[in-house]
Protein backbone atom coordinates (compact mmCIF):
# COMPACT_ATOMS: atom_id res chain seq x y z
CA MET A 1 -13.00 -7.75 -6.95
CA ASN A 2 -13.72 -8.30 -3.26
CA ASP A 3 -15.38 -5.55 -1.27
CA SER A 4 -12.97 -3.96 1.18
CA VAL A 5 -13.02 -1.41 3.95
CA TYR A 6 -10.02 0.68 4.93
CA ARG A 7 -9.33 2.71 8.04
CA VAL A 8 -7.31 5.91 8.08
CA VAL A 9 -5.01 7.26 10.79
CA GLU A 10 -2.70 10.27 10.88
CA LEU A 11 0.85 9.99 12.16
CA ILE A 12 3.66 12.52 12.36
CA GLY A 13 7.21 11.31 11.85
CA SER A 14 10.27 13.36 12.63
CA SER A 15 13.90 13.25 11.54
CA SER A 16 17.00 15.36 11.90
CA GLU A 17 17.91 14.45 8.28
CA SER A 18 14.97 15.02 5.90
CA TRP A 19 11.22 15.01 5.29
CA GLU A 20 11.62 11.71 3.46
CA GLN A 21 13.26 10.10 6.49
CA ALA A 22 10.53 11.56 8.71
CA ALA A 23 7.93 9.89 6.48
CA GLN A 24 9.84 6.60 6.65
CA ASN A 25 9.88 6.83 10.43
CA ALA A 26 6.11 7.37 10.57
CA VAL A 27 5.44 4.42 8.24
CA LYS A 28 7.82 2.18 10.19
CA GLU A 29 6.12 3.03 13.48
CA GLY A 30 2.66 2.70 11.93
CA ALA A 31 3.51 -0.79 10.65
CA ARG A 32 4.22 -1.86 14.23
CA THR A 33 0.62 -1.08 15.19
CA TYR A 34 -1.45 -1.40 12.01
CA ALA A 35 -1.31 -4.47 9.81
CA ASP A 36 -1.63 -4.28 6.04
CA ILE A 37 -0.87 -0.57 5.48
CA ARG A 38 -1.69 0.17 1.84
CA VAL A 39 -1.22 3.90 1.18
CA ALA A 40 0.45 6.86 2.86
CA GLU A 41 -0.58 10.35 1.82
CA VAL A 42 1.59 13.32 2.80
CA VAL A 43 -0.69 15.82 4.50
CA GLU A 44 1.78 18.39 5.78
CA MET A 45 5.50 19.00 6.15
CA ASP A 46 7.18 21.41 8.52
CA VAL A 47 10.46 22.02 10.31
CA LEU A 48 11.43 22.79 13.88
CA ILE A 49 13.75 25.77 14.23
CA GLU A 50 16.04 26.58 17.12
CA ASP A 51 18.40 29.57 17.23
CA GLY A 52 17.75 30.25 13.55
CA ALA A 53 18.65 26.72 12.40
CA VAL A 54 16.50 23.78 11.33
CA ILE A 55 16.81 21.07 13.97
CA ALA A 56 14.14 18.62 12.78
CA PHE A 57 11.96 17.81 9.79
CA ARG A 58 8.39 16.62 10.41
CA THR A 59 6.07 14.89 7.97
CA LYS A 60 2.40 14.28 8.74
CA LEU A 61 1.03 11.24 6.92
CA ARG A 62 -2.47 9.92 6.47
CA LEU A 63 -2.05 6.12 6.47
CA SER A 64 -4.74 3.76 5.24
CA TYR A 65 -4.81 0.12 6.17
CA LYS A 66 -7.13 -2.71 5.34
CA ARG A 67 -9.61 -3.45 8.06
CA PRO A 68 -9.37 -7.02 9.38
CA ALA A 69 -12.17 -9.39 8.33
CA ASP A 70 -13.30 -9.64 11.98
CA GLY A 71 -14.04 -5.89 11.96
CA GLY A 72 -11.27 -4.88 14.37
C-alpha cells in the first residue's frame, strides 16, 4: 500500500427539498474545487425556518480528498 496524505475541508450544502439533496449539493460544489474527494462525513444537519415553516435543509459535511503528489 502506498503512503497517502489527505486534507479535510468542511462545506455546508443547502436544499429546499431534503438533507440528502443538501449533501449532494455540497459534494458537487466541493468536486469543482477539490480533486479526488474520497469520503464525506455528515457533521451536522439543520433547517431554516420562516413563519413557522421549514424553508431549507442544510447539511454540513467534512470532505476528505487526496493531497496531490506535488504537495498542493
